[in-house]
Amino acid sequence: MAIKTRTYSVVDGKREMTIDEFKRWLKKFDDDKDGRISRDELADAIRVSHGGWFTGRKSKRIIGLVDADRNGFIDDNEIKNLAEFAEKYLNVKILYL
């Protein structure tokens, strides 16, 4: 069975996606399907999208910065915070259409 994926456009070295595409992409890493992204799930997303070292440490830092209610998870109310962080530091351009 083939998996259909969207090819994201890259402009100025940044991968462009709409906020809805960003949410759908992020939810692929919600392993326990609780509607929230944990530190480990975010580490998997970072590893898949950028590779690199210290993804656990990076994800802990990101959660600390974008987790408004300090519960250790990113939920639907905090996705915008994560999108803003991704635009600044992770070479992603979020399109709000």
PDB file of N, CA and C in Angstrom:
ATOM      1  N   MET A   1       0.838  -1.178   0.000  1.00  0.00           N
ATOM      2  CA  MET A   1       0.000   0.000   0.000  1.00  0.00           C
ATOM      3  C   MET A   1       0.883   1.242   0.000  1.00  0.00           C
ATOM      4  N   ALA A   2       0.681   2.109  -0.942  1.00  0.00           N
ATOM      5  CA  ALA A   2       1.482   3.327  -1.050  1.00  0.00           C
ATOM      6  C   ALA A   2       0.975   4.369  -0.071  1.00  0.00           C
ATOM      7  N   ILE A   3       1.891   5.111   0.468  1.00  0.00           N
ATOM      8  CA  ILE A   3       1.546   6.201   1.365  1.00  0.00           C
ATOM      9  C   ILE A   3       1.670   7.492   0.582  1.00  0.00           C
ATOM     10  N   LYS A   4       0.589   8.229   0.530  1.00  0.00           N
ATOM     11  CA  LYS A   4       0.584   9.484  -0.195  1.00  0.00           C
ATOM     12  C   LYS A   4       1.071  10.591   0.729  1.00  0.00           C
ATOM     13  N   THR A   5       2.086  11.292   0.298  1.00  0.00           N
ATOM     14  CA  THR A   5       2.605  12.401   1.086  1.00  0.00           C
ATOM     15  C   THR A   5       2.604  13.654   0.234  1.00  0.00           C
ATOM     16  N   ARG A   6       2.491  14.757   0.862  1.00  0.00           N
ATOM     17  CA  ARG A   6       2.527  16.041   0.169  1.00  0.00           C
ATOM     18  C   ARG A   6       3.969  16.504   0.145  1.00  0.00           C
ATOM     19  N   THR A   7       4.383  17.014  -0.976  1.00  0.00           N
ATOM     20  CA  THR A   7       5.707  17.603  -1.068  1.00  0.00           C
ATOM     21  C   THR A   7       5.581  19.061  -0.677  1.00  0.00           C
ATOM     22  N   TYR A   8       6.250  19.437   0.380  1.00  0.00           N
ATOM     23  CA  TYR A   8       6.183  20.814   0.839  1.00  0.00           C
ATOM     24  C   TYR A   8       7.124  21.658  -0.002  1.00  0.00           C
ATOM     25  N   SER A   9       6.697  22.851  -0.321  1.00  0.00           N
ATOM     26  CA  SER A   9       7.575  23.728  -1.073  1.00  0.00           C
ATOM     27  C   SER A   9       8.614  24.310  -0.124  1.00  0.00           C
ATOM     28  N   VAL A  10       9.764  24.574  -0.675  1.00  0.00           N
ATOM     29  CA  VAL A  10      10.848  25.158   0.102  1.00  0.00           C
ATOM     30  C   VAL A  10      11.193  26.498  -0.527  1.00  0.00           C
ATOM     31  N   VAL A  11      11.099  27.541   0.275  1.00  0.00           N
ATOM     32  CA  VAL A  11      11.401  28.885  -0.174  1.00  0.00           C
ATOM     33  C   VAL A  11      12.422  29.474   0.792  1.00  0.00           C
ATOM     34  N   ASP A  12      13.501  29.986   0.240  1.00  0.00           N
ATOM     35  CA  ASP A  12      14.573  30.574   1.058  1.00  0.00           C
ATOM     36  C   ASP A  12      15.073  29.609   2.121  1.00  0.00           C
ATOM     37  N   GLY A  13      15.111  28.319   1.785  1.00  0.00           N
ATOM     38  CA  GLY A  13      15.612  27.311   2.708  1.00  0.00           C
ATOM     39  C   GLY A  13      14.627  26.906   3.788  1.00  0.00           C
ATOM     40  N   LYS A  14      13.416  27.427   3.743  1.00  0.00           N
ATOM     41  CA  LYS A  14      12.402  27.088   4.747  1.00  0.00           C
ATOM     42  C   LYS A  14      11.296  26.257   4.107  1.00  0.00           C
ATOM     43  N   ARG A  15      10.897  25.201   4.803  1.00  0.00           N
ATOM     44  CA  ARG A  15       9.787  24.375   4.331  1.00  0.00           C
ATOM     45  C   ARG A  15       8.484  25.101   4.645  1.00  0.00           C
ATOM     46  N   GLU A  16       7.668  25.314   3.622  1.00  0.00           N
ATOM     47  CA  GLU A  16       6.402  26.022   3.804  1.00  0.00           C
ATOM     48  C   GLU A  16       5.263  25.035   3.974  1.00  0.00           C
ATOM     49  N   MET A  17       4.376  25.346   4.908  1.00  0.00           N
ATOM     50  CA  MET A  17       3.150  24.563   5.087  1.00  0.00           C
ATOM     51  C   MET A  17       2.113  25.444   5.760  1.00  0.00           C
ATOM     52  N   THR A  18       0.865  25.113   5.535  1.00  0.00           N
ATOM     53  CA  THR A  18      -0.201  25.855   6.204  1.00  0.00           C
ATOM     54  C   THR A  18      -0.246  25.413   7.673  1.00  0.00           C
ATOM     55  N   ILE A  19      -0.938  26.177   8.481  1.00  0.00           N
ATOM     56  CA  ILE A  19      -1.083  25.810   9.891  1.00  0.00           C
ATOM     57  C   ILE A  19      -1.814  24.475  10.022  1.00  0.00           C
ATOM     58  N   ASP A  20      -2.791  24.208   9.144  1.00  0.00           N
ATOM     59  CA  ASP A  20      -3.498  22.926   9.195  1.00  0.00           C
ATOM     60  C   ASP A  20      -2.575  21.771   8.823  1.00  0.00           C
ATOM     61  N   GLU A  21      -1.723  21.973   7.822  1.00  0.00           N
ATOM     62  CA  GLU A  21      -0.745  20.939   7.466  1.00  0.00           C
ATOM     63  C   GLU A  21       0.234  20.696   8.610  1.00  0.00           C
ATOM     64  N   PHE A  22       0.642  21.762   9.283  1.00  0.00           N
ATOM     65  CA  PHE A  22       1.546  21.641  10.427  1.00  0.00           C
ATOM     66  C   PHE A  22       0.885  20.821  11.534  1.00  0.00           C
ATOM     67  N   LYS A  23      -0.376  21.103  11.806  1.00  0.00           N
ATOM     68  CA  LYS A  23      -1.100  20.360  12.841  1.00  0.00           C
ATOM     69  C   LYS A  23      -1.225  18.878  12.471  1.00  0.00           C
ATOM     70  N   ARG A  24      -1.580  18.605  11.213  1.00  0.00           N
ATOM     71  CA  ARG A  24      -1.703  17.208  10.764  1.00  0.00           C
ATOM     72  C   ARG A  24      -0.361  16.490  10.837  1.00  0.00           C
ATOM     73  N   TRP A  25       0.705  17.161  10.424  1.00  0.00           N
ATOM     74  CA  TRP A  25       2.046  16.577  10.485  1.00  0.00           C
ATOM     75  C   TRP A  25       2.419  16.264  11.935  1.00  0.00           C
ATOM     76  N   LEU A  26       2.170  17.197  12.825  1.00  0.00           N
ATOM     77  CA  LEU A  26       2.524  17.012  14.233  1.00  0.00           C
ATOM     78  C   LEU A  26       1.722  15.876  14.862  1.00  0.00           C
ATOM     79  N   LYS A  27       0.455  15.772  14.522  1.00  0.00           N
ATOM     80  CA  LYS A  27      -0.399  14.723  15.096  1.00  0.00           C
ATOM     81  C   LYS A  27       0.040  13.315  14.692  1.00  0.00           C
ATOM     82  N   LYS A  28       0.807  13.197  13.614  1.00  0.00           N
ATOM     83  CA  LYS A  28       1.342  11.889  13.227  1.00  0.00           C
ATOM     84  C   LYS A  28       2.268  11.328  14.309  1.00  0.00           C
ATOM     85  N   PHE A  29       2.815  12.190  15.136  1.00  0.00           N
ATOM     86  CA  PHE A  29       3.745  11.773  16.177  1.00  0.00           C
ATOM     87  C   PHE A  29       3.074  11.565  17.531  1.00  0.00           C
ATOM     88  N   ASP A  30       1.768  11.775  17.593  1.00  0.00           N
ATOM     89  CA  ASP A  30       0.991  11.563  18.827  1.00  0.00           C
ATOM     90  C   ASP A  30       0.749  10.058  18.984  1.00  0.00           C
ATOM     91  N   ASP A  31       1.768   9.362  19.458  1.00  0.00           N
ATOM     92  CA  ASP A  31       1.746   7.888  19.509  1.00  0.00           C
ATOM     93  C   ASP A  31       0.600   7.329  20.335  1.00  0.00           C
ATOM     94  N   ASP A  32       0.294   7.961  21.462  1.00  0.00           N
ATOM     95  CA  ASP A  32      -0.758   7.422  22.329  1.00  0.00           C
ATOM     96  C   ASP A  32      -2.138   7.995  22.005  1.00  0.00           C
ATOM     97  N   LYS A  33      -2.204   8.841  20.992  1.00  0.00           N
ATOM     98  CA  LYS A  33      -3.480   9.404  20.496  1.00  0.00           C
ATOM     99  C   LYS A  33      -4.288  10.120  21.579  1.00  0.00           C
ATOM    100  N   ASP A  34      -3.569  10.804  22.475  1.00  0.00           N
ATOM    101  CA  ASP A  34      -4.268  11.535  23.535  1.00  0.00           C
ATOM    102  C   ASP A  34      -4.544  12.990  23.158  1.00  0.00           C
ATOM    103  N   GLY A  35      -4.159  13.383  21.936  1.00  0.00           N
ATOM    104  CA  GLY A  35      -4.406  14.749  21.486  1.00  0.00           C
ATOM    105  C   GLY A  35      -3.367  15.749  21.952  1.00  0.00           C
ATOM    106  N   ARG A  36      -2.331  15.257  22.626  1.00  0.00           N
ATOM    107  CA  ARG A  36      -1.263  16.127  23.111  1.00  0.00           C
ATOM    108  C   ARG A  36       0.072  15.577  22.617  1.00  0.00           C
ATOM    109  N   ILE A  37       1.073  16.449  22.516  1.00  0.00           N
ATOM    110  CA  ILE A  37       2.403  16.039  22.111  1.00  0.00           C
ATOM    111  C   ILE A  37       3.312  16.092  23.334  1.00  0.00           C
ATOM    112  N   SER A  38       3.879  14.943  23.664  1.00  0.00           N
ATOM    113  CA  SER A  38       4.795  14.856  24.804  1.00  0.00           C
ATOM    114  C   SER A  38       6.208  15.203  24.362  1.00  0.00           C
ATOM    115  N   ARG A  39       7.104  15.290  25.301  1.00  0.00           N
ATOM    116  CA  ARG A  39       8.506  15.564  25.002  1.00  0.00           C
ATOM    117  C   ARG A  39       9.080  14.492  24.088  1.00  0.00           C
ATOM    118  N   ASP A  40       8.806  13.220  24.373  1.00  0.00           N
ATOM    119  CA  ASP A  40       9.332  12.126  23.547  1.00  0.00           C
ATOM    120  C   ASP A  40       8.737  12.157  22.144  1.00  0.00           C
ATOM    121  N   GLU A  41       7.456  12.476  22.040  1.00  0.00           N
ATOM    122  CA  GLU A  41       6.815  12.555  20.726  1.00  0.00           C
ATOM    123  C   GLU A  41       7.394  13.717  19.924  1.00  0.00           C
ATOM    124  N   LEU A  42       7.660  14.838  20.593  1.00  0.00           N
ATOM    125  CA  LEU A  42       8.268  15.980  19.917  1.00  0.00           C
ATOM    126  C   LEU A  42       9.694  15.641  19.486  1.00  0.00           C
ATOM    127  N   ALA A  43      10.417  14.901  20.317  1.00  0.00           N
ATOM    128  CA  ALA A  43      11.769  14.473  19.950  1.00  0.00           C
ATOM    129  C   ALA A  43      11.734  13.628  18.677  1.00  0.00           C
ATOM    130  N   ASP A  44      10.746  12.757  18.554  1.00  0.00           N
ATOM    131  CA  ASP A  44      10.600  11.954  17.328  1.00  0.00           C
ATOM    132  C   ASP A  44      10.355  12.861  16.126  1.00  0.00           C
ATOM    133  N   ALA A  45       9.509  13.869  16.279  1.00  0.00           N
ATOM    134  CA  ALA A  45       9.214  14.785  15.182  1.00  0.00           C
ATOM    135  C   ALA A  45      10.469  15.547  14.759  1.00  0.00           C
ATOM    136  N   ILE A  46      11.252  15.999  15.728  1.00  0.00           N
ATOM    137  CA  ILE A  46      12.489  16.716  15.425  1.00  0.00           C
ATOM    138  C   ILE A  46      13.470  15.785  14.723  1.00  0.00           C
ATOM    139  N   ARG A  47      13.580  14.577  15.223  1.00  0.00           N
ATOM    140  CA  ARG A  47      14.501  13.596  14.641  1.00  0.00           C
ATOM    141  C   ARG A  47      14.148  13.310  13.185  1.00  0.00           C
ATOM    142  N   VAL A  48      12.872  13.128  12.898  1.00  0.00           N
ATOM    143  CA  VAL A  48      12.415  12.813  11.541  1.00  0.00           C
ATOM    144  C   VAL A  48      12.596  14.013  10.611  1.00  0.00           C
ATOM    145  N   SER A  49      12.306  15.194  11.093  1.00  0.00           N
ATOM    146  CA  SER A  49      12.324  16.358  10.210  1.00  0.00           C
ATOM    147  C   SER A  49      13.712  16.967  10.029  1.00  0.00           C
ATOM    148  N   HIS A  50      14.530  16.915  11.055  1.00  0.00           N
ATOM    149  CA  HIS A  50      15.832  17.575  10.966  1.00  0.00           C
ATOM    150  C   HIS A  50      17.003  16.642  11.235  1.00  0.00           C
ATOM    151  N   GLY A  51      16.715  15.492  11.827  1.00  0.00           N
ATOM    152  CA  GLY A  51      17.824  14.631  12.229  1.00  0.00           C
ATOM    153  C   GLY A  51      18.614  15.324  13.318  1.00  0.00           C
ATOM    154  N   GLY A  52      19.843  14.962  13.435  1.00  0.00           N
ATOM    155  CA  GLY A  52      20.711  15.668  14.350  1.00  0.00           C
ATOM    156  C   GLY A  52      20.797  15.029  15.720  1.00  0.00           C
ATOM    157  N   TRP A  53      21.571  15.658  16.518  1.00  0.00           N
ATOM    158  CA  TRP A  53      21.881  15.168  17.854  1.00  0.00           C
ATOM    159  C   TRP A  53      21.018  15.858  18.900  1.00  0.00           C
ATOM    160  N   PHE A  54      20.923  15.213  20.035  1.00  0.00           N
ATOM    161  CA  PHE A  54      20.321  15.807  21.234  1.00  0.00           C
ATOM    162  C   PHE A  54      18.859  16.182  21.055  1.00  0.00           C
ATOM    163  N   THR A  55      18.109  15.375  20.318  1.00  0.00           N
ATOM    164  CA  THR A  55      16.701  15.705  20.099  1.00  0.00           C
ATOM    165  C   THR A  55      15.912  15.685  21.406  1.00  0.00           C
ATOM    166  N   GLY A  56      16.278  14.825  22.346  1.00  0.00           N
ATOM    167  CA  GLY A  56      15.606  14.804  23.643  1.00  0.00           C
ATOM    168  C   GLY A  56      15.795  16.100  24.397  1.00  0.00           C
ATOM    169  N   ARG A  57      17.020  16.604  24.372  1.00  0.00           N
ATOM    170  CA  ARG A  57      17.315  17.872  25.047  1.00  0.00           C
ATOM    171  C   ARG A  57      16.594  19.027  24.348  1.00  0.00           C
ATOM    172  N   LYS A  58      16.612  19.020  23.010  1.00  0.00           N
ATOM    173  CA  LYS A  58      15.924  20.080  22.257  1.00  0.00           C
ATOM    174  C   LYS A  58      14.432  20.064  22.541  1.00  0.00           C
ATOM    175  N   SER A  59      13.844  18.867  22.553  1.00  0.00           N
ATOM    176  CA  SER A  59      12.395  18.796  22.769  1.00  0.00           C
ATOM    177  C   SER A  59      12.026  19.262  24.172  1.00  0.00           C
ATOM    178  N   LYS A  60      12.860  18.959  25.152  1.00  0.00           N
ATOM    179  CA  LYS A  60      12.601  19.422  26.520  1.00  0.00           C
ATOM    180  C   LYS A  60      12.630  20.951  26.574  1.00  0.00           C
ATOM    181  N   ARG A  61      13.592  21.541  25.885  1.00  0.00           N
ATOM    182  CA  ARG A  61      13.701  23.003  25.857  1.00  0.00           C
ATOM    183  C   ARG A  61      12.485  23.614  25.160  1.00  0.00           C
ATOM    184  N   ILE A  62      12.092  23.022  24.025  1.00  0.00           N
ATOM    185  CA  ILE A  62      10.960  23.555  23.273  1.00  0.00           C
ATOM    186  C   ILE A  62       9.674  23.461  24.096  1.00  0.00           C
ATOM    187  N   ILE A  63       9.454  22.304  24.723  1.00  0.00           N
ATOM    188  CA  ILE A  63       8.259  22.153  25.570  1.00  0.00           C
ATOM    189  C   ILE A  63       8.255  23.230  26.650  1.00  0.00           C
ATOM    190  N   GLY A  64       9.405  23.457  27.271  1.00  0.00           N
ATOM    191  CA  GLY A  64       9.498  24.470  28.314  1.00  0.00           C
ATOM    192  C   GLY A  64       9.160  25.866  27.831  1.00  0.00           C
ATOM    193  N   LEU A  65       9.466  26.146  26.566  1.00  0.00           N
ATOM    194  CA  LEU A  65       9.213  27.472  26.015  1.00  0.00           C
ATOM    195  C   LEU A  65       7.793  27.668  25.510  1.00  0.00           C
ATOM    196  N   VAL A  66       7.164  26.624  24.977  1.00  0.00           N
ATOM    197  CA  VAL A  66       5.858  26.812  24.346  1.00  0.00           C
ATOM    198  C   VAL A  66       4.680  26.273  25.157  1.00  0.00           C
ATOM    199  N   ASP A  67       4.956  25.534  26.213  1.00  0.00           N
ATOM    200  CA  ASP A  67       3.907  24.928  27.041  1.00  0.00           C
ATOM    201  C   ASP A  67       3.358  25.965  28.021  1.00  0.00           C
ATOM    202  N   ALA A  68       2.304  26.658  27.599  1.00  0.00           N
ATOM    203  CA  ALA A  68       1.754  27.782  28.375  1.00  0.00           C
ATOM    204  C   ALA A  68       1.224  27.362  29.737  1.00  0.00           C
ATOM    205  N   ASP A  69       0.591  26.194  29.839  1.00  0.00           N
ATOM    206  CA  ASP A  69       0.013  25.787  31.119  1.00  0.00           C
ATOM    207  C   ASP A  69       0.955  24.917  31.960  1.00  0.00           C
ATOM    208  N   ARG A  70       2.160  24.715  31.453  1.00  0.00           N
ATOM    209  CA  ARG A  70       3.234  24.007  32.190  1.00  0.00           C
ATOM    210  C   ARG A  70       2.845  22.590  32.625  1.00  0.00           C
ATOM    211  N   ASN A  71       2.077  21.888  31.785  1.00  0.00           N
ATOM    212  CA  ASN A  71       1.714  20.512  32.132  1.00  0.00           C
ATOM    213  C   ASN A  71       2.634  19.475  31.480  1.00  0.00           C
ATOM    214  N   GLY A  72       3.627  19.966  30.719  1.00  0.00           N
ATOM    215  CA  GLY A  72       4.595  19.062  30.111  1.00  0.00           C
ATOM    216  C   GLY A  72       4.195  18.536  28.741  1.00  0.00           C
ATOM    217  N   PHE A  73       3.096  19.044  28.205  1.00  0.00           N
ATOM    218  CA  PHE A  73       2.593  18.607  26.907  1.00  0.00           C
ATOM    219  C   PHE A  73       2.231  19.819  26.060  1.00  0.00           C
ATOM    220  N   ILE A  74       2.215  19.618  24.750  1.00  0.00           N
ATOM    221  CA  ILE A  74       1.698  20.627  23.834  1.00  0.00           C
ATOM    222  C   ILE A  74       0.330  20.151  23.386  1.00  0.00           C
ATOM    223  N   ASP A  75      -0.693  20.939  23.694  1.00  0.00           N
ATOM    224  CA  ASP A  75      -2.056  20.572  23.287  1.00  0.00           C
ATOM    225  C   ASP A  75      -2.534  21.536  22.207  1.00  0.00           C
ATOM    226  N   ASP A  76      -3.767  21.387  21.775  1.00  0.00           N
ATOM    227  CA  ASP A  76      -4.296  22.210  20.684  1.00  0.00           C
ATOM    228  C   ASP A  76      -4.182  23.706  20.960  1.00  0.00           C
ATOM    229  N   ASN A  77      -4.336  24.103  22.204  1.00  0.00           N
ATOM    230  CA  ASN A  77      -4.261  25.521  22.551  1.00  0.00           C
ATOM    231  C   ASN A  77      -2.848  26.079  22.444  1.00  0.00           C
ATOM    232  N   GLU A  78      -1.842  25.205  22.393  1.00  0.00           N
ATOM    233  CA  GLU A  78      -0.442  25.643  22.371  1.00  0.00           C
ATOM    234  C   GLU A  78       0.240  25.385  21.031  1.00  0.00           C
ATOM    235  N   ILE A  79      -0.494  24.843  20.062  1.00  0.00           N
ATOM    236  CA  ILE A  79       0.082  24.556  18.747  1.00  0.00           C
ATOM    237  C   ILE A  79       0.599  25.837  18.096  1.00  0.00           C
ATOM    238  N   LYS A  80      -0.131  26.940  18.259  1.00  0.00           N
ATOM    239  CA  LYS A  80       0.314  28.204  17.668  1.00  0.00           C
ATOM    240  C   LYS A  80       1.672  28.612  18.241  1.00  0.00           C
ATOM    241  N   ASN A  81       1.877  28.400  19.552  1.00  0.00           N
ATOM    242  CA  ASN A  81       3.172  28.704  20.164  1.00  0.00           C
ATOM    243  C   ASN A  81       4.274  27.867  19.514  1.00  0.00           C
ATOM    244  N   LEU A  82       3.984  26.584  19.280  1.00  0.00           N
ATOM    245  CA  LEU A  82       4.966  25.703  18.659  1.00  0.00           C
ATOM    246  C   LEU A  82       5.225  26.119  17.215  1.00  0.00           C
ATOM    247  N   ALA A  83       4.180  26.512  16.499  1.00  0.00           N
ATOM    248  CA  ALA A  83       4.352  26.965  15.111  1.00  0.00           C
ATOM    249  C   ALA A  83       5.249  28.212  15.067  1.00  0.00           C
ATOM    250  N   GLU A  84       5.045  29.129  15.986  1.00  0.00           N
ATOM    251  CA  GLU A  84       5.886  30.330  16.042  1.00  0.00           C
ATOM    252  C   GLU A  84       7.337  29.960  16.339  1.00  0.00           C
ATOM    253  N   PHE A  85       7.545  29.006  17.244  1.00  0.00           N
ATOM    254  CA  PHE A  85       8.898  28.538  17.554  1.00  0.00           C
ATOM    255  C   PHE A  85       9.523  27.893  16.312  1.00  0.00           C
ATOM    256  N   ALA A  86       8.748  27.061  15.607  1.00  0.00           N
ATOM    257  CA  ALA A  86       9.245  26.378  14.409  1.00  0.00           C
ATOM    258  C   ALA A  86       9.658  27.386  13.340  1.00  0.00           C
ATOM    259  N   GLU A  87       8.902  28.462  13.221  1.00  0.00           N
ATOM    260  CA  GLU A  87       9.261  29.489  12.240  1.00  0.00           C
ATOM    261  C   GLU A  87      10.580  30.164  12.597  1.00  0.00           C
ATOM    262  N   LYS A  88      10.798  30.426  13.868  1.00  0.00           N
ATOM    263  CA  LYS A  88      12.017  31.113  14.302  1.00  0.00           C
ATOM    264  C   LYS A  88      13.246  30.221  14.246  1.00  0.00           C
ATOM    265  N   TYR A  89      13.101  28.955  14.658  1.00  0.00           N
ATOM    266  CA  TYR A  89      14.286  28.144  14.914  1.00  0.00           C
ATOM    267  C   TYR A  89      14.406  26.848  14.109  1.00  0.00           C
ATOM    268  N   LEU A  90      13.352  26.432  13.422  1.00  0.00           N
ATOM    269  CA  LEU A  90      13.390  25.111  12.788  1.00  0.00           C
ATOM    270  C   LEU A  90      13.207  25.156  11.270  1.00  0.00           C
ATOM    271  N   ASN A  91      13.478  26.299  10.659  1.00  0.00           N
ATOM    272  CA  ASN A  91      13.400  26.443   9.198  1.00  0.00           C
ATOM    273  C   ASN A  91      12.037  26.033   8.626  1.00  0.00           C
ATOM    274  N   VAL A  92      10.982  26.460   9.285  1.00  0.00           N
ATOM    275  CA  VAL A  92       9.628  26.205   8.804  1.00  0.00           C
ATOM    276  C   VAL A  92       8.944  27.558   8.610  1.00  0.00           C
ATOM    277  N   LYS A  93       8.208  27.686   7.540  1.00  0.00           N
ATOM    278  CA  LYS A  93       7.397  28.881   7.287  1.00  0.00           C
ATOM    279  C   LYS A  93       5.950  28.458   7.338  1.00  0.00           C
ATOM    280  N   ILE A  94       5.188  28.969   8.311  1.00  0.00           N
ATOM    281  CA  ILE A  94       3.782  28.632   8.469  1.00  0.00           C
ATOM    282  C   ILE A  94       2.945  29.644   7.695  1.00  0.00           C
ATOM    283  N   LEU A  95       2.089  29.124   6.835  1.00  0.00           N
ATOM    284  CA  LEU A  95       1.198  29.973   6.050  1.00  0.00           C
ATOM    285  C   LEU A  95      -0.168  29.974   6.709  1.00  0.00           C
ATOM    286  N   TYR A  96      -0.645  31.141   7.093  1.00  0.00           N
ATOM    287  CA  TYR A  96      -1.951  31.279   7.724  1.00  0.00           C
ATOM    288  C   TYR A  96      -2.928  31.711   6.628  1.00  0.00           C
ATOM    289  N   LEU A  97      -3.567  30.728   6.005  1.00  0.00           N
ATOM    290  CA  LEU A  97      -4.475  31.015   4.883  1.00  0.00           C
ATOM    291  C   LEU A  97      -5.909  31.017   5.330  1.00  0.00           C
TER     292      LEU A  97
END
